Amino acid sequence: MILYSANDMVKAGTNDCRGCSQCCRGMGDSILLDPYDIYMLQTATGQTFSQLLQEKIGLHVEEGLILPAMKIQEDTDACGFLKEGRCSIHDYRPGLCRLFPLGRNYDEQGIRYFMLDDACSAGNRTKVKIKKWLDVERLPRYEEYLIVWHDIRKNIQQKIMERKSDEYTHQVNVAFLEIFYQMPYQVQQDFYPQFEQRCQSEKAAGICGR
């Protein structure tokens, strides 16, 4: 597997997809959402986390930890934000959507990227710089956040697996969802200080094991 930095060029360009929406269909609950994704969805829709849960997103369990994910619509087998074959929240789309057809690798060098073989059916893809493809403001800051978030998730999941207690798992998930998702983000304010404040809270210390 070849790993790339954000400044590398890869064949990910799809000529604006030209109406293809295959990657927005039949994805199940594979598009997991991190707190920044929720912040962006709240910015795009004006809805709270609870309101988004009513129609556009669902909950998914991964290694004992409950995480929100984009919800597929039963009648169309597609993402609820897909309108006439195009993403209606493109500027605010989740990180995994921005990433596709790339994947992320976390190691001692930070975040690096790799191509997902045969993930995208688009032919004649063009070379594009990864940071341009991702189209994220302040990408180095975003990557720093992703590393912290990755570590928080893995730490909590490890504790859940080690304790093997239904009561503990329930308590941790309730607190986890409340701290990082259910409390509304102030969309008029910078996301990162808000996230850092939540990480430093006493309740977060309790579930993260600090």
N, C-alpha and C. Protein backbone atom coordinates (compact mmCIF):
# COMPACT_ATOMS: atom_id res chain seq x y z
N MET A 1 0.84 -1.19 0.00
CA MET A 1 0.00 0.00 0.00
C MET A 1 0.88 1.25 0.00
N ILE A 2 0.65 2.11 -0.97
CA ILE A 2 1.42 3.36 -1.06
C ILE A 2 0.73 4.42 -0.22
N LEU A 3 1.51 5.07 0.65
CA LEU A 3 0.98 6.12 1.51
C LEU A 3 1.42 7.49 1.00
N TYR A 4 0.52 8.46 1.09
CA TYR A 4 0.78 9.79 0.56
C TYR A 4 0.57 10.84 1.64
N SER A 5 1.24 11.99 1.46
CA SER A 5 0.98 13.14 2.31
C SER A 5 -0.04 14.03 1.62
N ALA A 6 -0.52 15.05 2.33
CA ALA A 6 -1.53 15.95 1.77
C ALA A 6 -1.01 16.74 0.59
N ASN A 7 0.31 16.84 0.46
CA ASN A 7 0.89 17.61 -0.65
C ASN A 7 1.18 16.76 -1.87
N ASP A 8 0.92 15.47 -1.81
CA ASP A 8 1.17 14.58 -2.94
C ASP A 8 0.02 14.63 -3.95
N MET A 9 0.35 14.23 -5.17
CA MET A 9 -0.64 14.15 -6.25
C MET A 9 -1.10 12.70 -6.38
N VAL A 10 -2.42 12.52 -6.55
CA VAL A 10 -2.98 11.19 -6.77
C VAL A 10 -4.05 11.26 -7.84
N LYS A 11 -4.36 10.11 -8.43
CA LYS A 11 -5.39 10.06 -9.46
C LYS A 11 -6.75 9.90 -8.80
N ALA A 12 -7.26 11.01 -8.28
CA ALA A 12 -8.56 11.01 -7.62
C ALA A 12 -9.56 11.91 -8.32
N GLY A 13 -9.09 12.77 -9.22
CA GLY A 13 -9.97 13.71 -9.90
C GLY A 13 -11.00 13.02 -10.78
N THR A 14 -12.25 13.39 -10.62
CA THR A 14 -13.35 12.72 -11.34
C THR A 14 -14.11 13.65 -12.27
N ASN A 15 -13.51 14.78 -12.61
CA ASN A 15 -14.18 15.74 -13.50
C ASN A 15 -15.57 16.10 -12.99
N ASP A 16 -15.63 16.42 -11.68
CA ASP A 16 -16.89 16.83 -11.03
C ASP A 16 -17.94 15.73 -11.05
N CYS A 17 -17.50 14.48 -11.24
CA CYS A 17 -18.37 13.30 -11.21
C CYS A 17 -19.40 13.27 -12.34
N ARG A 18 -19.69 14.42 -12.95
CA ARG A 18 -20.60 14.50 -14.10
C ARG A 18 -21.93 13.78 -13.84
N GLY A 19 -22.47 14.03 -12.65
CA GLY A 19 -23.78 13.48 -12.34
C GLY A 19 -23.77 12.10 -11.73
N CYS A 20 -22.62 11.45 -11.68
CA CYS A 20 -22.54 10.12 -11.06
C CYS A 20 -22.70 10.27 -9.54
N SER A 21 -23.55 9.44 -8.98
CA SER A 21 -23.77 9.50 -7.53
C SER A 21 -23.68 8.11 -6.91
N GLN A 22 -22.92 7.24 -7.56
CA GLN A 22 -22.84 5.85 -7.12
C GLN A 22 -22.32 5.73 -5.69
N CYS A 23 -21.35 6.59 -5.32
CA CYS A 23 -20.76 6.49 -3.98
C CYS A 23 -21.71 7.03 -2.91
N CYS A 24 -22.82 7.66 -3.32
CA CYS A 24 -23.81 8.18 -2.37
C CYS A 24 -24.97 7.21 -2.20
N ARG A 25 -24.86 6.04 -2.82
CA ARG A 25 -25.95 5.06 -2.78
C ARG A 25 -25.44 3.74 -2.20
N GLY A 26 -26.31 3.06 -1.49
CA GLY A 26 -25.98 1.74 -0.99
C GLY A 26 -24.80 1.70 -0.03
N MET A 27 -24.55 2.81 0.66
CA MET A 27 -23.38 2.86 1.54
C MET A 27 -23.68 2.36 2.95
N GLY A 28 -24.97 2.01 3.19
CA GLY A 28 -25.32 1.51 4.52
C GLY A 28 -25.03 2.56 5.58
N ASP A 29 -24.42 2.11 6.69
CA ASP A 29 -24.04 3.06 7.74
C ASP A 29 -22.53 3.19 7.83
N SER A 30 -21.87 3.14 6.66
CA SER A 30 -20.40 3.17 6.62
C SER A 30 -19.82 4.57 6.76
N ILE A 31 -20.65 5.62 6.54
CA ILE A 31 -20.14 6.99 6.63
C ILE A 31 -20.30 7.47 8.06
N LEU A 32 -19.31 7.12 8.90
CA LEU A 32 -19.34 7.53 10.30
C LEU A 32 -19.02 9.02 10.42
N LEU A 33 -19.63 9.66 11.39
CA LEU A 33 -19.53 11.11 11.55
C LEU A 33 -18.77 11.46 12.82
N ASP A 34 -17.78 12.31 12.69
CA ASP A 34 -17.05 12.80 13.86
C ASP A 34 -17.65 14.15 14.28
N PRO A 35 -17.23 14.71 15.40
CA PRO A 35 -17.82 15.98 15.85
C PRO A 35 -17.72 17.12 14.84
N TYR A 36 -16.62 17.20 14.09
CA TYR A 36 -16.50 18.26 13.09
C TYR A 36 -17.57 18.08 12.00
N ASP A 37 -17.86 16.83 11.63
CA ASP A 37 -18.91 16.57 10.65
C ASP A 37 -20.26 17.08 11.15
N ILE A 38 -20.55 16.84 12.43
CA ILE A 38 -21.81 17.30 13.01
C ILE A 38 -21.86 18.83 13.03
N TYR A 39 -20.75 19.45 13.38
CA TYR A 39 -20.64 20.92 13.36
C TYR A 39 -20.97 21.44 11.95
N MET A 40 -20.42 20.78 10.93
CA MET A 40 -20.67 21.21 9.55
C MET A 40 -22.11 20.96 9.13
N LEU A 41 -22.69 19.83 9.55
CA LEU A 41 -24.08 19.55 9.22
C LEU A 41 -25.02 20.54 9.91
N GLN A 42 -24.69 20.90 11.15
CA GLN A 42 -25.51 21.90 11.85
C GLN A 42 -25.39 23.25 11.16
N THR A 43 -24.21 23.56 10.65
CA THR A 43 -24.02 24.81 9.92
C THR A 43 -24.85 24.81 8.64
N ALA A 44 -24.85 23.69 7.93
CA ALA A 44 -25.54 23.60 6.65
C ALA A 44 -27.05 23.60 6.79
N THR A 45 -27.56 22.94 7.83
CA THR A 45 -29.01 22.72 7.94
C THR A 45 -29.71 23.57 8.99
N GLY A 46 -28.95 24.08 9.97
CA GLY A 46 -29.56 24.80 11.08
C GLY A 46 -30.24 23.88 12.06
N GLN A 47 -30.02 22.58 11.93
CA GLN A 47 -30.66 21.61 12.80
C GLN A 47 -29.73 21.14 13.92
N THR A 48 -30.32 20.74 15.03
CA THR A 48 -29.54 20.18 16.13
C THR A 48 -29.24 18.71 15.83
N PHE A 49 -28.39 18.13 16.65
CA PHE A 49 -28.07 16.71 16.51
C PHE A 49 -29.34 15.86 16.61
N SER A 50 -30.19 16.17 17.58
CA SER A 50 -31.43 15.42 17.76
C SER A 50 -32.33 15.54 16.55
N GLN A 51 -32.39 16.71 15.95
CA GLN A 51 -33.22 16.90 14.75
C GLN A 51 -32.66 16.13 13.56
N LEU A 52 -31.35 16.12 13.42
CA LEU A 52 -30.71 15.37 12.34
C LEU A 52 -30.99 13.87 12.49
N LEU A 53 -31.05 13.41 13.74
CA LEU A 53 -31.30 12.00 14.01
C LEU A 53 -32.69 11.56 13.56
N GLN A 54 -33.60 12.49 13.43
CA GLN A 54 -34.97 12.14 13.04
C GLN A 54 -35.06 11.67 11.60
N GLU A 55 -34.11 12.08 10.76
CA GLU A 55 -34.25 11.73 9.35
C GLU A 55 -32.92 11.49 8.63
N LYS A 56 -31.92 12.33 8.87
CA LYS A 56 -30.73 12.32 8.02
C LYS A 56 -29.58 11.44 8.53
N ILE A 57 -29.51 11.21 9.83
CA ILE A 57 -28.42 10.40 10.36
C ILE A 57 -29.00 9.34 11.29
N GLY A 58 -28.20 8.31 11.54
CA GLY A 58 -28.58 7.25 12.46
C GLY A 58 -27.44 6.96 13.42
N LEU A 59 -27.57 5.91 14.22
CA LEU A 59 -26.54 5.52 15.17
C LEU A 59 -26.00 4.15 14.81
N HIS A 60 -24.70 4.00 14.94
CA HIS A 60 -24.01 2.78 14.54
C HIS A 60 -23.07 2.37 15.67
N VAL A 61 -23.00 1.08 15.96
CA VAL A 61 -22.13 0.58 17.02
C VAL A 61 -20.87 0.00 16.38
N GLU A 62 -19.72 0.48 16.81
CA GLU A 62 -18.44 -0.03 16.32
C GLU A 62 -17.53 -0.31 17.50
N GLU A 63 -17.23 -1.60 17.70
CA GLU A 63 -16.40 -2.05 18.82
C GLU A 63 -16.94 -1.51 20.14
N GLY A 64 -18.24 -1.59 20.31
CA GLY A 64 -18.90 -1.19 21.55
C GLY A 64 -19.23 0.27 21.67
N LEU A 65 -18.70 1.11 20.79
CA LEU A 65 -18.91 2.56 20.88
C LEU A 65 -19.98 3.00 19.89
N ILE A 66 -20.94 3.77 20.39
CA ILE A 66 -22.02 4.27 19.52
C ILE A 66 -21.56 5.54 18.81
N LEU A 67 -21.64 5.51 17.49
CA LEU A 67 -21.23 6.65 16.67
C LEU A 67 -22.33 6.98 15.67
N PRO A 68 -22.55 8.26 15.41
CA PRO A 68 -23.54 8.62 14.37
C PRO A 68 -22.99 8.32 12.99
N ALA A 69 -23.89 8.06 12.06
CA ALA A 69 -23.53 7.79 10.67
C ALA A 69 -24.59 8.35 9.76
N MET A 70 -24.23 8.65 8.54
CA MET A 70 -25.21 9.11 7.56
C MET A 70 -26.22 8.00 7.35
N LYS A 71 -27.50 8.38 7.23
CA LYS A 71 -28.57 7.40 7.09
C LYS A 71 -28.97 7.25 5.63
N ILE A 72 -29.09 6.01 5.22
CA ILE A 72 -29.55 5.74 3.87
C ILE A 72 -31.08 5.77 3.86
N GLN A 73 -31.66 6.33 2.82
CA GLN A 73 -33.11 6.42 2.70
C GLN A 73 -33.67 5.14 2.09
N GLU A 74 -34.64 4.54 2.74
CA GLU A 74 -35.15 3.24 2.32
C GLU A 74 -35.75 3.27 0.91
N ASP A 75 -36.39 4.37 0.55
CA ASP A 75 -37.06 4.41 -0.75
C ASP A 75 -36.11 4.61 -1.92
N THR A 76 -34.94 5.20 -1.65
CA THR A 76 -33.99 5.49 -2.74
C THR A 76 -32.68 4.74 -2.61
N ASP A 77 -32.43 4.12 -1.44
CA ASP A 77 -31.15 3.46 -1.16
C ASP A 77 -29.99 4.45 -1.29
N ALA A 78 -30.26 5.71 -0.96
CA ALA A 78 -29.26 6.77 -1.13
C ALA A 78 -29.19 7.64 0.12
N CYS A 79 -28.13 8.41 0.21
CA CYS A 79 -27.99 9.40 1.27
C CYS A 79 -29.14 10.40 1.20
N GLY A 80 -29.64 10.81 2.35
CA GLY A 80 -30.77 11.73 2.40
C GLY A 80 -30.46 13.12 1.86
N PHE A 81 -29.18 13.43 1.71
CA PHE A 81 -28.79 14.75 1.18
C PHE A 81 -28.55 14.72 -0.33
N LEU A 82 -28.77 13.56 -0.95
CA LEU A 82 -28.61 13.47 -2.40
C LEU A 82 -29.88 13.97 -3.08
N LYS A 83 -29.73 15.01 -3.89
CA LYS A 83 -30.87 15.62 -4.58
C LYS A 83 -30.57 15.68 -6.08
N GLU A 84 -31.40 15.01 -6.86
CA GLU A 84 -31.25 15.00 -8.32
C GLU A 84 -29.83 14.61 -8.73
N GLY A 85 -29.30 13.61 -8.04
CA GLY A 85 -28.00 13.08 -8.39
C GLY A 85 -26.81 13.89 -7.90
N ARG A 86 -27.06 14.93 -7.11
CA ARG A 86 -25.96 15.77 -6.62
C ARG A 86 -26.08 15.94 -5.11
N CYS A 87 -24.95 16.17 -4.45
CA CYS A 87 -24.94 16.39 -3.01
C CYS A 87 -25.44 17.80 -2.70
N SER A 88 -26.51 17.88 -1.92
CA SER A 88 -27.11 19.19 -1.62
C SER A 88 -26.36 19.94 -0.52
N ILE A 89 -25.40 19.27 0.13
CA ILE A 89 -24.59 19.93 1.18
C ILE A 89 -23.11 19.81 0.84
N HIS A 90 -22.79 19.87 -0.42
CA HIS A 90 -21.43 19.56 -0.88
C HIS A 90 -20.34 20.33 -0.13
N ASP A 91 -20.56 21.61 0.10
CA ASP A 91 -19.56 22.42 0.80
C ASP A 91 -19.42 22.03 2.26
N TYR A 92 -20.39 21.30 2.79
CA TYR A 92 -20.41 20.93 4.21
C TYR A 92 -20.38 19.41 4.40
N ARG A 93 -20.07 18.68 3.36
CA ARG A 93 -20.13 17.22 3.39
C ARG A 93 -19.16 16.62 4.41
N PRO A 94 -19.47 15.43 4.92
CA PRO A 94 -18.61 14.79 5.93
C PRO A 94 -17.21 14.49 5.42
N GLY A 95 -16.31 14.32 6.37
CA GLY A 95 -14.91 14.07 6.04
C GLY A 95 -14.70 12.83 5.20
N LEU A 96 -15.42 11.74 5.47
CA LEU A 96 -15.25 10.52 4.69
C LEU A 96 -15.72 10.71 3.26
N CYS A 97 -16.72 11.57 3.06
CA CYS A 97 -17.18 11.88 1.70
C CYS A 97 -16.12 12.69 0.97
N ARG A 98 -15.52 13.63 1.66
CA ARG A 98 -14.44 14.43 1.06
C ARG A 98 -13.26 13.54 0.67
N LEU A 99 -13.01 12.55 1.48
CA LEU A 99 -11.85 11.69 1.32
C LEU A 99 -11.97 10.76 0.12
N PHE A 100 -13.13 10.21 -0.11
CA PHE A 100 -13.35 9.20 -1.14
C PHE A 100 -12.87 9.67 -2.51
N PRO A 101 -12.13 8.84 -3.26
CA PRO A 101 -11.79 7.44 -3.07
C PRO A 101 -10.45 7.21 -2.38
N LEU A 102 -10.17 7.98 -1.36
CA LEU A 102 -8.97 7.79 -0.55
C LEU A 102 -9.34 7.26 0.82
N GLY A 103 -8.38 6.69 1.50
CA GLY A 103 -8.52 6.28 2.89
C GLY A 103 -7.46 6.98 3.72
N ARG A 104 -7.61 6.94 5.04
CA ARG A 104 -6.64 7.56 5.95
C ARG A 104 -5.87 6.48 6.71
N ASN A 105 -4.61 6.74 6.93
CA ASN A 105 -3.78 5.87 7.75
C ASN A 105 -3.18 6.70 8.88
N TYR A 106 -3.30 6.19 10.12
CA TYR A 106 -2.75 6.88 11.28
C TYR A 106 -1.50 6.13 11.74
N ASP A 107 -0.36 6.83 11.78
CA ASP A 107 0.87 6.21 12.28
C ASP A 107 1.73 7.26 12.96
N GLU A 108 2.98 6.90 13.24
CA GLU A 108 3.85 7.82 13.97
C GLU A 108 4.15 9.09 13.19
N GLN A 109 3.90 9.08 11.90
CA GLN A 109 4.11 10.27 11.08
C GLN A 109 2.86 11.14 10.99
N GLY A 110 1.82 10.74 11.69
CA GLY A 110 0.56 11.50 11.65
C GLY A 110 -0.42 10.83 10.71
N ILE A 111 -1.09 11.64 9.91
CA ILE A 111 -2.07 11.11 8.95
C ILE A 111 -1.44 11.05 7.57
N ARG A 112 -1.59 9.89 6.96
CA ARG A 112 -1.22 9.73 5.56
C ARG A 112 -2.39 9.09 4.83
N TYR A 113 -2.35 9.17 3.52
CA TYR A 113 -3.50 8.78 2.71
C TYR A 113 -3.14 7.66 1.74
N PHE A 114 -4.14 6.89 1.34
CA PHE A 114 -3.93 5.82 0.37
C PHE A 114 -5.16 5.70 -0.52
N MET A 115 -4.94 5.17 -1.71
CA MET A 115 -6.04 4.98 -2.66
C MET A 115 -6.83 3.73 -2.29
N LEU A 116 -8.15 3.83 -2.37
CA LEU A 116 -9.02 2.67 -2.18
C LEU A 116 -9.22 2.02 -3.55
N ASP A 117 -8.55 0.90 -3.76
CA ASP A 117 -8.58 0.25 -5.06
C ASP A 117 -10.00 -0.14 -5.46
N ASP A 118 -10.37 0.20 -6.68
CA ASP A 118 -11.67 -0.16 -7.27
C ASP A 118 -12.86 0.41 -6.50
N ALA A 119 -12.63 1.42 -5.65
CA ALA A 119 -13.74 1.99 -4.88
C ALA A 119 -14.61 2.90 -5.74
N CYS A 120 -13.98 3.61 -6.65
CA CYS A 120 -14.70 4.56 -7.51
C CYS A 120 -14.74 4.02 -8.93
N SER A 121 -15.92 4.05 -9.53
CA SER A 121 -16.09 3.50 -10.88
C SER A 121 -15.76 4.50 -11.98
N ALA A 122 -15.47 5.74 -11.61
CA ALA A 122 -15.18 6.76 -12.62
C ALA A 122 -13.90 6.41 -13.38
N GLY A 123 -13.98 6.53 -14.69
CA GLY A 123 -12.81 6.26 -15.52
C GLY A 123 -12.06 7.54 -15.85
N ASN A 124 -10.85 7.39 -16.36
CA ASN A 124 -10.04 8.53 -16.79
C ASN A 124 -9.88 9.57 -15.69
N ARG A 125 -9.61 9.11 -14.49
CA ARG A 125 -9.40 10.05 -13.39
C ARG A 125 -8.11 10.83 -13.58
N THR A 126 -8.13 12.07 -13.15
CA THR A 126 -6.97 12.95 -13.32
C THR A 126 -6.23 13.12 -12.00
N LYS A 127 -4.97 13.56 -12.12
CA LYS A 127 -4.17 13.77 -10.92
C LYS A 127 -4.55 15.08 -10.24
N VAL A 128 -4.63 15.03 -8.93
CA VAL A 128 -4.97 16.21 -8.14
C VAL A 128 -4.22 16.14 -6.83
N LYS A 129 -3.82 17.29 -6.30
CA LYS A 129 -3.15 17.31 -5.00
C LYS A 129 -4.17 16.96 -3.92
N ILE A 130 -3.77 16.11 -2.99
CA ILE A 130 -4.70 15.61 -1.98
C ILE A 130 -5.34 16.75 -1.19
N LYS A 131 -4.55 17.74 -0.78
CA LYS A 131 -5.13 18.82 0.02
C LYS A 131 -6.16 19.62 -0.77
N LYS A 132 -6.00 19.70 -2.08
CA LYS A 132 -7.00 20.36 -2.91
C LYS A 132 -8.24 19.48 -3.02
N TRP A 133 -8.04 18.18 -3.14
CA TRP A 133 -9.16 17.25 -3.24
C TRP A 133 -10.02 17.29 -1.97
N LEU A 134 -9.36 17.33 -0.80
CA LEU A 134 -10.08 17.34 0.46
C LEU A 134 -10.87 18.63 0.67
N ASP A 135 -10.30 19.74 0.20
CA ASP A 135 -10.99 21.03 0.26
C ASP A 135 -11.45 21.35 1.68
N VAL A 136 -10.52 21.26 2.63
CA VAL A 136 -10.81 21.56 4.03
C VAL A 136 -10.02 22.80 4.44
N GLU A 137 -10.69 23.76 5.05
CA GLU A 137 -9.99 24.95 5.53
C GLU A 137 -9.01 24.56 6.64
N ARG A 138 -7.84 25.17 6.65
CA ARG A 138 -6.82 24.92 7.67
C ARG A 138 -6.55 23.42 7.83
N LEU A 139 -6.18 22.79 6.73
CA LEU A 139 -6.00 21.35 6.73
C LEU A 139 -5.05 20.84 7.81
N PRO A 140 -3.89 21.47 8.07
CA PRO A 140 -3.03 20.98 9.16
C PRO A 140 -3.74 20.95 10.51
N ARG A 141 -4.56 21.97 10.77
CA ARG A 141 -5.31 22.00 12.04
C ARG A 141 -6.35 20.89 12.05
N TYR A 142 -6.98 20.66 10.93
CA TYR A 142 -7.98 19.59 10.81
C TYR A 142 -7.33 18.23 11.05
N GLU A 143 -6.15 18.02 10.50
CA GLU A 143 -5.46 16.75 10.69
C GLU A 143 -5.05 16.55 12.15
N GLU A 144 -4.63 17.63 12.81
CA GLU A 144 -4.30 17.53 14.24
C GLU A 144 -5.53 17.10 15.04
N TYR A 145 -6.66 17.70 14.72
CA TYR A 145 -7.92 17.34 15.38
C TYR A 145 -8.26 15.87 15.14
N LEU A 146 -8.12 15.40 13.89
CA LEU A 146 -8.45 14.02 13.56
C LEU A 146 -7.61 13.03 14.36
N ILE A 147 -6.35 13.35 14.56
CA ILE A 147 -5.47 12.48 15.34
C ILE A 147 -5.95 12.39 16.78
N VAL A 148 -6.30 13.54 17.37
CA VAL A 148 -6.82 13.55 18.75
C VAL A 148 -8.11 12.75 18.82
N TRP A 149 -9.01 12.96 17.86
CA TRP A 149 -10.28 12.26 17.85
C TRP A 149 -10.08 10.75 17.67
N HIS A 150 -9.19 10.37 16.80
CA HIS A 150 -8.87 8.96 16.59
C HIS A 150 -8.39 8.32 17.89
N ASP A 151 -7.52 9.02 18.61
CA ASP A 151 -6.99 8.49 19.87
C ASP A 151 -8.09 8.36 20.93
N ILE A 152 -8.99 9.35 20.99
CA ILE A 152 -10.10 9.30 21.95
C ILE A 152 -10.98 8.08 21.66
N ARG A 153 -11.35 7.91 20.42
CA ARG A 153 -12.19 6.77 20.03
C ARG A 153 -11.53 5.45 20.39
N LYS A 154 -10.28 5.29 20.00
CA LYS A 154 -9.59 4.02 20.22
C LYS A 154 -9.42 3.74 21.71
N ASN A 155 -9.16 4.78 22.48
CA ASN A 155 -8.98 4.61 23.93
C ASN A 155 -10.27 4.14 24.59
N ILE A 156 -11.37 4.77 24.23
CA ILE A 156 -12.67 4.39 24.81
C ILE A 156 -13.07 2.98 24.35
N GLN A 157 -12.87 2.68 23.09
CA GLN A 157 -13.22 1.36 22.59
C GLN A 157 -12.40 0.27 23.28
N GLN A 158 -11.13 0.57 23.54
CA GLN A 158 -10.29 -0.41 24.24
C GLN A 158 -10.80 -0.66 25.65
N LYS A 159 -11.20 0.40 26.34
CA LYS A 159 -11.72 0.25 27.71
C LYS A 159 -13.03 -0.55 27.71
N ILE A 160 -13.87 -0.29 26.71
CA ILE A 160 -15.13 -1.04 26.61
C ILE A 160 -14.85 -2.53 26.42
N MET A 161 -13.93 -2.84 25.54
CA MET A 161 -13.62 -4.23 25.26
C MET A 161 -12.96 -4.92 26.46
N GLU A 162 -12.15 -4.17 27.20
CA GLU A 162 -11.46 -4.74 28.36
C GLU A 162 -12.42 -5.02 29.51
N ARG A 163 -13.34 -4.11 29.77
CA ARG A 163 -14.23 -4.24 30.92
C ARG A 163 -15.36 -5.24 30.70
N LYS A 164 -15.82 -5.34 29.46
CA LYS A 164 -16.88 -6.29 29.12
C LYS A 164 -18.07 -6.19 30.07
N SER A 165 -18.48 -4.96 30.33
CA SER A 165 -19.59 -4.70 31.24
C SER A 165 -20.66 -3.92 30.50
N ASP A 166 -21.87 -4.45 30.44
CA ASP A 166 -22.97 -3.76 29.76
C ASP A 166 -23.28 -2.42 30.42
N GLU A 167 -23.24 -2.40 31.76
CA GLU A 167 -23.53 -1.16 32.48
C GLU A 167 -22.47 -0.10 32.18
N TYR A 168 -21.21 -0.50 32.20
CA TYR A 168 -20.12 0.45 31.90
C TYR A 168 -20.25 0.95 30.46
N THR A 169 -20.50 0.03 29.52
CA THR A 169 -20.64 0.41 28.11
C THR A 169 -21.76 1.42 27.92
N HIS A 170 -22.88 1.19 28.59
CA HIS A 170 -24.02 2.10 28.49
C HIS A 170 -23.66 3.48 29.04
N GLN A 171 -23.06 3.52 30.21
CA GLN A 171 -22.70 4.79 30.85
C GLN A 171 -21.72 5.57 30.00
N VAL A 172 -20.73 4.88 29.46
CA VAL A 172 -19.72 5.54 28.63
C VAL A 172 -20.35 6.10 27.36
N ASN A 173 -21.21 5.34 26.73
CA ASN A 173 -21.82 5.80 25.48
C ASN A 173 -22.75 6.99 25.70
N VAL A 174 -23.50 6.98 26.79
CA VAL A 174 -24.37 8.10 27.10
C VAL A 174 -23.55 9.38 27.27
N ALA A 175 -22.45 9.28 28.05
CA ALA A 175 -21.59 10.44 28.29
C ALA A 175 -20.89 10.87 27.00
N PHE A 176 -20.40 9.91 26.24
CA PHE A 176 -19.68 10.17 24.99
C PHE A 176 -20.55 10.94 24.00
N LEU A 177 -21.77 10.47 23.80
CA LEU A 177 -22.68 11.13 22.86
C LEU A 177 -23.06 12.52 23.35
N GLU A 178 -23.27 12.65 24.65
CA GLU A 178 -23.64 13.96 25.20
C GLU A 178 -22.53 14.98 25.02
N ILE A 179 -21.30 14.59 25.37
CA ILE A 179 -20.17 15.53 25.33
C ILE A 179 -19.85 15.96 23.91
N PHE A 180 -19.72 14.99 23.01
CA PHE A 180 -19.17 15.29 21.70
C PHE A 180 -20.19 15.49 20.59
N TYR A 181 -21.45 15.14 20.84
CA TYR A 181 -22.44 15.23 19.77
C TYR A 181 -23.71 15.98 20.16
N GLN A 182 -24.32 15.61 21.26
CA GLN A 182 -25.64 16.14 21.57
C GLN A 182 -25.63 17.61 21.98
N MET A 183 -24.62 18.04 22.72
CA MET A 183 -24.53 19.46 23.06
C MET A 183 -24.28 20.25 21.78
N PRO A 184 -25.17 21.17 21.43
CA PRO A 184 -25.03 21.89 20.15
C PRO A 184 -23.72 22.67 20.05
N TYR A 185 -23.12 22.64 18.89
CA TYR A 185 -21.95 23.46 18.61
C TYR A 185 -22.41 24.84 18.17
N GLN A 186 -21.68 25.85 18.56
CA GLN A 186 -21.97 27.22 18.14
C GLN A 186 -21.38 27.42 16.75
N VAL A 187 -22.25 27.38 15.74
CA VAL A 187 -21.75 27.38 14.36
C VAL A 187 -21.17 28.73 13.95
N GLN A 188 -21.46 29.77 14.72
CA GLN A 188 -20.88 31.08 14.42
C GLN A 188 -19.46 31.20 14.96
N GLN A 189 -19.05 30.21 15.75
CA GLN A 189 -17.72 30.23 16.38
C GLN A 189 -16.85 29.13 15.81
N ASP A 190 -15.53 29.30 15.96
CA ASP A 190 -14.56 28.31 15.50
C ASP A 190 -14.82 26.97 16.18
N PHE A 191 -14.78 25.90 15.41
CA PHE A 191 -15.05 24.57 15.96
C PHE A 191 -13.98 24.10 16.93
N TYR A 192 -12.72 24.30 16.59
CA TYR A 192 -11.64 23.64 17.33
C TYR A 192 -11.56 24.03 18.81
N PRO A 193 -11.68 25.29 19.19
CA PRO A 193 -11.70 25.61 20.62
C PRO A 193 -12.88 24.95 21.35
N GLN A 194 -14.01 24.85 20.68
CA GLN A 194 -15.17 24.20 21.29
C GLN A 194 -14.88 22.72 21.54
N PHE A 195 -14.27 22.08 20.57
CA PHE A 195 -13.93 20.67 20.73
C PHE A 195 -12.91 20.47 21.85
N GLU A 196 -11.90 21.32 21.87
CA GLU A 196 -10.85 21.21 22.90
C GLU A 196 -11.43 21.40 24.29
N GLN A 197 -12.37 22.33 24.42
CA GLN A 197 -13.01 22.56 25.71
C GLN A 197 -13.75 21.32 26.18
N ARG A 198 -14.41 20.65 25.27
CA ARG A 198 -15.13 19.42 25.62
C ARG A 198 -14.15 18.31 26.03
N CYS A 199 -13.05 18.23 25.32
CA CYS A 199 -12.04 17.22 25.65
C CYS A 199 -11.47 17.42 27.06
N GLN A 200 -11.41 18.67 27.50
CA GLN A 200 -10.80 19.00 28.78
C GLN A 200 -11.80 18.99 29.94
N SER A 201 -13.06 18.71 29.61
CA SER A 201 -14.08 18.72 30.67
C SER A 201 -13.88 17.55 31.63
N GLU A 202 -14.42 17.71 32.82
CA GLU A 202 -14.30 16.66 33.84
C GLU A 202 -14.99 15.38 33.38
N LYS A 203 -16.12 15.52 32.71
CA LYS A 203 -16.84 14.33 32.24
C LYS A 203 -16.04 13.60 31.18
N ALA A 204 -15.39 14.32 30.29
CA ALA A 204 -14.56 13.68 29.26
C ALA A 204 -13.39 12.96 29.90
N ALA A 205 -12.82 13.57 30.93
CA ALA A 205 -11.70 12.91 31.64
C ALA A 205 -12.15 11.57 32.21
N GLY A 206 -13.41 11.52 32.66
CA GLY A 206 -13.91 10.28 33.24
C GLY A 206 -14.03 9.15 32.24
N ILE A 207 -14.47 9.46 31.02
CA ILE A 207 -14.67 8.39 30.04
C ILE A 207 -13.41 8.13 29.22
N CYS A 208 -12.51 9.12 29.14
CA CYS A 208 -11.28 8.93 28.37
C CYS A 208 -10.15 8.35 29.22
N GLY A 209 -10.39 8.26 30.55
CA GLY A 209 -9.42 7.61 31.40
C GLY A 209 -8.25 8.45 31.82
N ARG A 210 -8.39 9.79 31.70
CA ARG A 210 -7.28 10.65 32.11
C ARG A 210 -7.31 10.89 33.61
